PDB file of N, CA and C in Angstrom:
ATOM      1  N   GLU A   1    -232.971  -8.941-155.448  1.00  0.00           N
ATOM      2  CA  GLU A   1    -233.227  -7.811-154.588  1.00  0.00           C
ATOM      3  C   GLU A   1    -233.420  -8.261-153.142  1.00  0.00           C
ATOM      4  N   PHE A   2    -234.037  -9.435-152.947  1.00  0.00           N
ATOM      5  CA  PHE A   2    -234.239  -9.954-151.594  1.00  0.00           C
ATOM      6  C   PHE A   2    -232.891 -10.235-150.937  1.00  0.00           C
ATOM      7  N   VAL A   3    -231.990 -10.847-151.681  1.00  0.00           N
ATOM      8  CA  VAL A   3    -230.663 -11.148-151.130  1.00  0.00           C
ATOM      9  C   VAL A   3    -229.915  -9.850-150.834  1.00  0.00           C
ATOM     10  N   GLN A   4    -230.076  -8.845-151.671  1.00  0.00           N
ATOM     11  CA  GLN A   4    -229.439  -7.559-151.400  1.00  0.00           C
ATOM     12  C   GLN A   4    -229.956  -6.967-150.090  1.00  0.00           C
ATOM     13  N   GLU A   5    -231.239  -7.097-149.844  1.00  0.00           N
ATOM     14  CA  GLU A   5    -231.819  -6.593-148.595  1.00  0.00           C
ATOM     15  C   GLU A   5    -231.263  -7.359-147.395  1.00  0.00           C
ATOM     16  N   ILE A   6    -231.130  -8.680-147.529  1.00  0.00           N
ATOM     17  CA  ILE A   6    -230.562  -9.497-146.453  1.00  0.00           C
ATOM     18  C   ILE A   6    -229.140  -9.038-146.146  1.00  0.00           C
ATOM     19  N   LEU A   7    -228.334  -8.862-147.181  1.00  0.00           N
ATOM     20  CA  LEU A   7    -226.954  -8.414-146.978  1.00  0.00           C
ATOM     21  C   LEU A   7    -226.911  -7.050-146.300  1.00  0.00           C
ATOM     22  N   ASP A   8    -227.758  -6.142-146.738  1.00  0.00           N
ATOM     23  CA  ASP A   8    -227.786  -4.801-146.172  1.00  0.00           C
ATOM     24  C   ASP A   8    -228.145  -4.840-144.687  1.00  0.00           C
ATOM     25  N   VAL A   9    -229.191  -5.580-144.336  1.00  0.00           N
ATOM     26  CA  VAL A   9    -229.631  -5.679-142.940  1.00  0.00           C
ATOM     27  C   VAL A   9    -228.556  -6.338-142.077  1.00  0.00           C
ATOM     28  N   ALA A  10    -227.821  -7.281-142.664  1.00  0.00           N
ATOM     29  CA  ALA A  10    -226.771  -7.987-141.920  1.00  0.00           C
ATOM     30  C   ALA A  10    -225.471  -7.189-141.847  1.00  0.00           C
ATOM     31  N   GLY A  11    -225.462  -5.989-142.447  1.00  0.00           N
ATOM     32  CA  GLY A  11    -224.275  -5.148-142.372  1.00  0.00           C
ATOM     33  C   GLY A  11    -223.224  -5.447-143.419  1.00  0.00           C
ATOM     34  N   HIS A  12    -223.610  -6.116-144.492  1.00  0.00           N
ATOM     35  CA  HIS A  12    -222.677  -6.425-145.575  1.00  0.00           C
ATOM     36  C   HIS A  12    -223.009  -5.575-146.796  1.00  0.00           C
ATOM     37  N   ASP A  13    -222.118  -5.559-147.745  1.00  0.00           N
ATOM     38  CA  ASP A  13    -222.286  -4.761-148.956  1.00  0.00           C
ATOM     39  C   ASP A  13    -223.292  -5.424-149.894  1.00  0.00           C
ATOM     40  N   PRO A  14    -224.476  -4.812-150.097  1.00  0.00           N
ATOM     41  CA  PRO A  14    -225.484  -5.422-150.966  1.00  0.00           C
ATOM     42  C   PRO A  14    -225.083  -5.461-152.440  1.00  0.00           C
ATOM     43  N   SER A  15    -224.068  -4.691-152.821  1.00  0.00           N
ATOM     44  CA  SER A  15    -223.646  -4.713-154.224  1.00  0.00           C
ATOM     45  C   SER A  15    -222.828  -5.959-154.556  1.00  0.00           C
ATOM     46  N   ARG A  16    -222.618  -6.825-153.553  1.00  0.00           N
ATOM     47  CA  ARG A  16    -221.893  -8.082-153.801  1.00  0.00           C
ATOM     48  C   ARG A  16    -222.683  -9.019-154.707  1.00  0.00           C
ATOM     49  N   VAL A  17    -223.985  -8.798-154.807  1.00  0.00           N
ATOM     50  CA  VAL A  17    -224.825  -9.606-155.692  1.00  0.00           C
ATOM     51  C   VAL A  17    -225.552  -8.677-156.655  1.00  0.00           C
ATOM     52  N   SER A  18    -225.884  -9.196-157.812  1.00  0.00           N
ATOM     53  CA  SER A  18    -226.589  -8.409-158.824  1.00  0.00           C
ATOM     54  C   SER A  18    -227.920  -9.057-159.149  1.00  0.00           C
ATOM     55  N   PRO A  19    -228.997  -8.264-159.162  1.00  0.00           N
ATOM     56  CA  PRO A  19    -230.294  -8.833-159.534  1.00  0.00           C
ATOM     57  C   PRO A  19    -230.288  -9.282-160.994  1.00  0.00           C
ATOM     58  N   ILE A  20    -231.003 -10.355-161.269  1.00  0.00           N
ATOM     59  CA  ILE A  20    -231.188 -10.817-162.646  1.00  0.00           C
ATOM     60  C   ILE A  20    -232.668 -11.098-162.854  1.00  0.00           C
ATOM     61  N   SER A  21    -233.072 -11.159-164.091  1.00  0.00           N
ATOM     62  CA  SER A  21    -234.460 -11.505-164.396  1.00  0.00           C
ATOM     63  C   SER A  21    -234.580 -13.022-164.513  1.00  0.00           C
ATOM     64  N   THR A  22    -235.800 -13.506-164.468  1.00  0.00           N
ATOM     65  CA  THR A  22    -236.041 -14.940-164.626  1.00  0.00           C
ATOM     66  C   THR A  22    -235.504 -15.420-165.967  1.00  0.00           C
ATOM     67  N   ALA A  23    -235.590 -14.573-166.982  1.00  0.00           N
ATOM     68  CA  ALA A  23    -235.106 -14.941-168.314  1.00  0.00           C
ATOM     69  C   ALA A  23    -233.595 -15.177-168.324  1.00  0.00           C
ATOM     70  N   ASP A  24    -232.881 -14.579-167.371  1.00  0.00           N
ATOM     71  CA  ASP A  24    -231.425 -14.727-167.311  1.00  0.00           C
ATOM     72  C   ASP A  24    -230.972 -16.011-166.625  1.00  0.00           C
ATOM     73  N   LEU A  25    -231.880 -16.752-166.012  1.00  0.00           N
ATOM     74  CA  LEU A  25    -231.497 -17.970-165.294  1.00  0.00           C
ATOM     75  C   LEU A  25    -231.011 -19.043-166.259  1.00  0.00           C
ATOM     76  N   ASP A  26    -229.943 -19.713-165.878  1.00  0.00           N
ATOM     77  CA  ASP A  26    -229.405 -20.796-166.697  1.00  0.00           C
ATOM     78  C   ASP A  26    -229.023 -21.945-165.776  1.00  0.00           C
ATOM     79  N   PRO A  27    -229.674 -23.083-165.824  1.00  0.00           N
ATOM     80  CA  PRO A  27    -230.738 -23.431-166.764  1.00  0.00           C
ATOM     81  C   PRO A  27    -232.032 -22.700-166.425  1.00  0.00           C
ATOM     82  N   PRO A  28    -232.905 -22.566-167.418  1.00  0.00           N
ATOM     83  CA  PRO A  28    -234.166 -21.854-167.189  1.00  0.00           C
ATOM     84  C   PRO A  28    -235.077 -22.611-166.227  1.00  0.00           C
ATOM     85  N   ARG A  29    -236.012 -21.893-165.638  1.00  0.00           N
ATOM     86  CA  ARG A  29    -236.989 -22.502-164.742  1.00  0.00           C
ATOM     87  C   ARG A  29    -237.814 -23.522-165.522  1.00  0.00           C
ATOM     88  N   PRO A  30    -238.251 -24.623-164.870  1.00  0.00           N
ATOM     89  CA  PRO A  30    -239.012 -25.655-165.575  1.00  0.00           C
ATOM     90  C   PRO A  30    -240.399 -25.195-166.021  1.00  0.00           C
ATOM     91  N   ALA A  31    -240.950 -24.176-165.372  1.00  0.00           N
ATOM     92  CA  ALA A  31    -242.272 -23.668-165.759  1.00  0.00           C
ATOM     93  C   ALA A  31    -242.180 -22.155-165.924  1.00  0.00           C
ATOM     94  N   PRO A  32    -242.891 -21.607-166.901  1.00  0.00           N
ATOM     95  CA  PRO A  32    -242.851 -20.156-167.077  1.00  0.00           C
ATOM     96  C   PRO A  32    -243.472 -19.448-165.869  1.00  0.00           C
ATOM     97  N   ARG A  33    -242.948 -18.299-165.530  1.00  0.00           N
ATOM     98  CA  ARG A  33    -243.455 -17.506-164.414  1.00  0.00           C
ATOM     99  C   ARG A  33    -244.088 -16.227-164.950  1.00  0.00           C
ATOM    100  N   PRO A  34    -245.196 -15.798-164.342  1.00  0.00           N
ATOM    101  CA  PRO A  34    -245.804 -14.537-164.785  1.00  0.00           C
ATOM    102  C   PRO A  34    -244.892 -13.358-164.444  1.00  0.00           C
ATOM    103  N   ALA A  35    -244.978 -12.315-165.233  1.00  0.00           N
ATOM    104  CA  ALA A  35    -244.131 -11.142-165.014  1.00  0.00           C
ATOM    105  C   ALA A  35    -244.452 -10.465-163.686  1.00  0.00           C
ATOM    106  N   ASN A  36    -245.727 -10.437-163.299  1.00  0.00           N
ATOM    107  CA  ASN A  36    -246.134  -9.806-162.042  1.00  0.00           C
ATOM    108  C   ASN A  36    -247.076 -10.762-161.337  1.00  0.00           C
ATOM    109  N   SER A  37    -246.580 -11.442-160.327  1.00  0.00           N
ATOM    110  CA  SER A  37    -247.384 -12.470-159.667  1.00  0.00           C
ATOM    111  C   SER A  37    -247.749 -12.075-158.239  1.00  0.00           C
ATOM    112  N   VAL A  38    -248.344 -10.901-158.080  1.00  0.00           N
ATOM    113  CA  VAL A  38    -248.795 -10.448-156.773  1.00  0.00           C
ATOM    114  C   VAL A  38    -249.917 -11.368-156.315  1.00  0.00           C
ATOM    115  N   LEU A  39    -249.819 -11.829-155.079  1.00  0.00           N
ATOM    116  CA  LEU A  39    -250.823 -12.753-154.564  1.00  0.00           C
ATOM    117  C   LEU A  39    -252.002 -11.997-153.964  1.00  0.00           C
ATOM    118  N   ASP A  40    -253.205 -12.510-154.189  1.00  0.00           N
ATOM    119  CA  ASP A  40    -254.415 -11.923-153.628  1.00  0.00           C
ATOM    120  C   ASP A  40    -254.570 -12.407-152.191  1.00  0.00           C
ATOM    121  N   ASN A  41    -254.906 -11.514-151.280  1.00  0.00           N
ATOM    122  CA  ASN A  41    -255.058 -11.896-149.881  1.00  0.00           C
ATOM    123  C   ASN A  41    -256.503 -11.800-149.406  1.00  0.00           C
ATOM    124  N   ALA A  42    -257.471 -11.844-150.343  1.00  0.00           N
ATOM    125  CA  ALA A  42    -258.884 -11.700-149.989  1.00  0.00           C
ATOM    126  C   ALA A  42    -259.346 -12.791-149.032  1.00  0.00           C
ATOM    127  N   VAL A  43    -258.957 -14.034-149.257  1.00  0.00           N
ATOM    128  CA  VAL A  43    -259.372 -15.137-148.383  1.00  0.00           C
ATOM    129  C   VAL A  43    -258.753 -14.958-147.000  1.00  0.00           C
ATOM    130  N   TRP A  44    -257.526 -14.521-146.958  1.00  0.00           N
ATOM    131  CA  TRP A  44    -256.831 -14.265-145.693  1.00  0.00           C
ATOM    132  C   TRP A  44    -257.607 -13.222-144.884  1.00  0.00           C
ATOM    133  N   ARG A  45    -257.977 -12.114-145.551  1.00  0.00           N
ATOM    134  CA  ARG A  45    -258.723 -11.045-144.879  1.00  0.00           C
ATOM    135  C   ARG A  45    -260.106 -11.516-144.465  1.00  0.00           C
ATOM    136  N   ALA A  46    -260.786 -12.280-145.331  1.00  0.00           N
ATOM    137  CA  ALA A  46    -262.132 -12.777-145.024  1.00  0.00           C
ATOM    138  C   ALA A  46    -262.121 -13.691-143.804  1.00  0.00           C
ATOM    139  N   ALA A  47    -261.020 -14.377-143.581  1.00  0.00           N
ATOM    140  CA  ALA A  47    -260.901 -15.260-142.418  1.00  0.00           C
ATOM    141  C   ALA A  47    -260.591 -14.472-141.145  1.00  0.00           C
ATOM    142  N   GLY A  48    -260.415 -13.160-141.278  1.00  0.00           N
ATOM    143  CA  GLY A  48    -260.147 -12.325-140.117  1.00  0.00           C
ATOM    144  C   GLY A  48    -258.714 -12.383-139.627  1.00  0.00           C
ATOM    145  N   LEU A  49    -257.832 -12.872-140.464  1.00  0.00           N
ATOM    146  CA  LEU A  49    -256.426 -12.979-140.074  1.00  0.00           C
ATOM    147  C   LEU A  49    -255.726 -11.632-140.240  1.00  0.00           C
ATOM    148  N   PRO A  50    -254.780 -11.328-139.377  1.00  0.00           N
ATOM    149  CA  PRO A  50    -254.067 -10.053-139.516  1.00  0.00           C
ATOM    150  C   PRO A  50    -253.197 -10.064-140.771  1.00  0.00           C
ATOM    151  N   MET A  51    -253.071  -8.897-141.370  1.00  0.00           N
ATOM    152  CA  MET A  51    -252.249  -8.783-142.571  1.00  0.00           C
ATOM    153  C   MET A  51    -250.784  -9.014-142.208  1.00  0.00           C
ATOM    154  N   MET A  52    -250.086  -9.635-143.128  1.00  0.00           N
ATOM    155  CA  MET A  52    -248.658  -9.877-142.908  1.00  0.00           C
ATOM    156  C   MET A  52    -247.892  -8.559-143.025  1.00  0.00           C
ATOM    157  N   ARG A  53    -246.841  -8.439-142.243  1.00  0.00           N
ATOM    158  CA  ARG A  53    -246.004  -7.242-142.292  1.00  0.00           C
ATOM    159  C   ARG A  53    -245.112  -7.282-143.527  1.00  0.00           C
ATOM    160  N   ASP A  54    -244.627  -6.119-143.889  1.00  0.00           N
ATOM    161  CA  ASP A  54    -243.616  -6.049-144.930  1.00  0.00           C
ATOM    162  C   ASP A  54    -242.430  -6.903-144.479  1.00  0.00           C
ATOM    163  N   PHE A  55    -241.783  -7.585-145.392  1.00  0.00           N
ATOM    164  CA  PHE A  55    -240.733  -8.544-145.031  1.00  0.00           C
ATOM    165  C   PHE A  55    -239.537  -7.902-144.337  1.00  0.00           C
ATOM    166  N   ARG A  56    -239.331  -6.608-144.513  1.00  0.00           N
ATOM    167  CA  ARG A  56    -238.131  -5.970-143.974  1.00  0.00           C
ATOM    168  C   ARG A  56    -238.089  -5.967-142.443  1.00  0.00           C
ATOM    169  N   ALA A  57    -239.218  -5.744-141.785  1.00  0.00           N
ATOM    170  CA  ALA A  57    -239.233  -5.702-140.312  1.00  0.00           C
ATOM    171  C   ALA A  57    -238.867  -7.062-139.709  1.00  0.00           C
ATOM    172  N   PRO A  58    -239.535  -8.162-140.094  1.00  0.00           N
ATOM    173  CA  PRO A  58    -239.131  -9.445-139.521  1.00  0.00           C
ATOM    174  C   PRO A  58    -237.725  -9.873-139.946  1.00  0.00           C
ATOM    175  N   LEU A  59    -237.283  -9.462-141.123  1.00  0.00           N
ATOM    176  CA  LEU A  59    -235.921  -9.781-141.554  1.00  0.00           C
ATOM    177  C   LEU A  59    -234.911  -9.124-140.614  1.00  0.00           C
ATOM    178  N   THR A  60    -235.143  -7.864-140.293  1.00  0.00           N
ATOM    179  CA  THR A  60    -234.262  -7.151-139.370  1.00  0.00           C
ATOM    180  C   THR A  60    -234.254  -7.830-138.003  1.00  0.00           C
ATOM    181  N   GLU A  61    -235.429  -8.242-137.527  1.00  0.00           N
ATOM    182  CA  GLU A  61    -235.523  -8.933-136.234  1.00  0.00           C
ATOM    183  C   GLU A  61    -234.760 -10.258-136.263  1.00  0.00           C
ATOM    184  N   LEU A  62    -234.902 -11.007-137.348  1.00  0.00           N
ATOM    185  CA  LEU A  62    -234.225 -12.298-137.461  1.00  0.00           C
ATOM    186  C   LEU A  62    -232.708 -12.133-137.477  1.00  0.00           C
ATOM    187  N   VAL A  63    -232.225 -11.186-138.259  1.00  0.00           N
ATOM    188  CA  VAL A  63    -230.778 -10.966-138.332  1.00  0.00           C
ATOM    189  C   VAL A  63    -230.246 -10.560-136.960  1.00  0.00           C
ATOM    190  N   ALA A  64    -230.983  -9.717-136.237  1.00  0.00           N
ATOM    191  CA  ALA A  64    -230.551  -9.310-134.898  1.00  0.00           C
ATOM    192  C   ALA A  64    -230.519 -10.507-133.949  1.00  0.00           C
ATOM    193  N   GLU A  65    -231.476 -11.411-134.090  1.00  0.00           N
ATOM    194  CA  GLU A  65    -231.531 -12.596-133.233  1.00  0.00           C
ATOM    195  C   GLU A  65    -230.393 -13.574-133.550  1.00  0.00           C
ATOM    196  N   LEU A  66    -230.086 -13.740-134.832  1.00  0.00           N
ATOM    197  CA  LEU A  66    -229.050 -14.687-135.239  1.00  0.00           C
ATOM    198  C   LEU A  66    -227.640 -14.141-135.045  1.00  0.00           C
ATOM    199  N   ASN A  67    -227.526 -12.834-135.031  1.00  0.00           N
ATOM    200  CA  ASN A  67    -226.214 -12.196-134.942  1.00  0.00           C
ATOM    201  C   ASN A  67    -226.226 -11.167-133.810  1.00  0.00           C
ATOM    202  N   PRO A  68    -226.279 -11.641-132.551  1.00  0.00           N
ATOM    203  CA  PRO A  68    -226.415 -10.698-131.421  1.00  0.00           C
ATOM    204  C   PRO A  68    -225.209  -9.792-131.238  1.00  0.00           C
TER     205      PRO A  68
END
């Protein structure tokens, strides 16, 4: 899905790639991955750091910078 978003922002057809699950990887990953691995940001917030933006905004900025 991340690669599809990159293609879309860059003006390419996102259907050129298809999402797969971790179980579909061949060869499989060396360590099992949790189904939902949302990271906790409590320490980040406690340190007074600003929350990170959704990845789409900086991705759009980066693509615009790399492809003027």
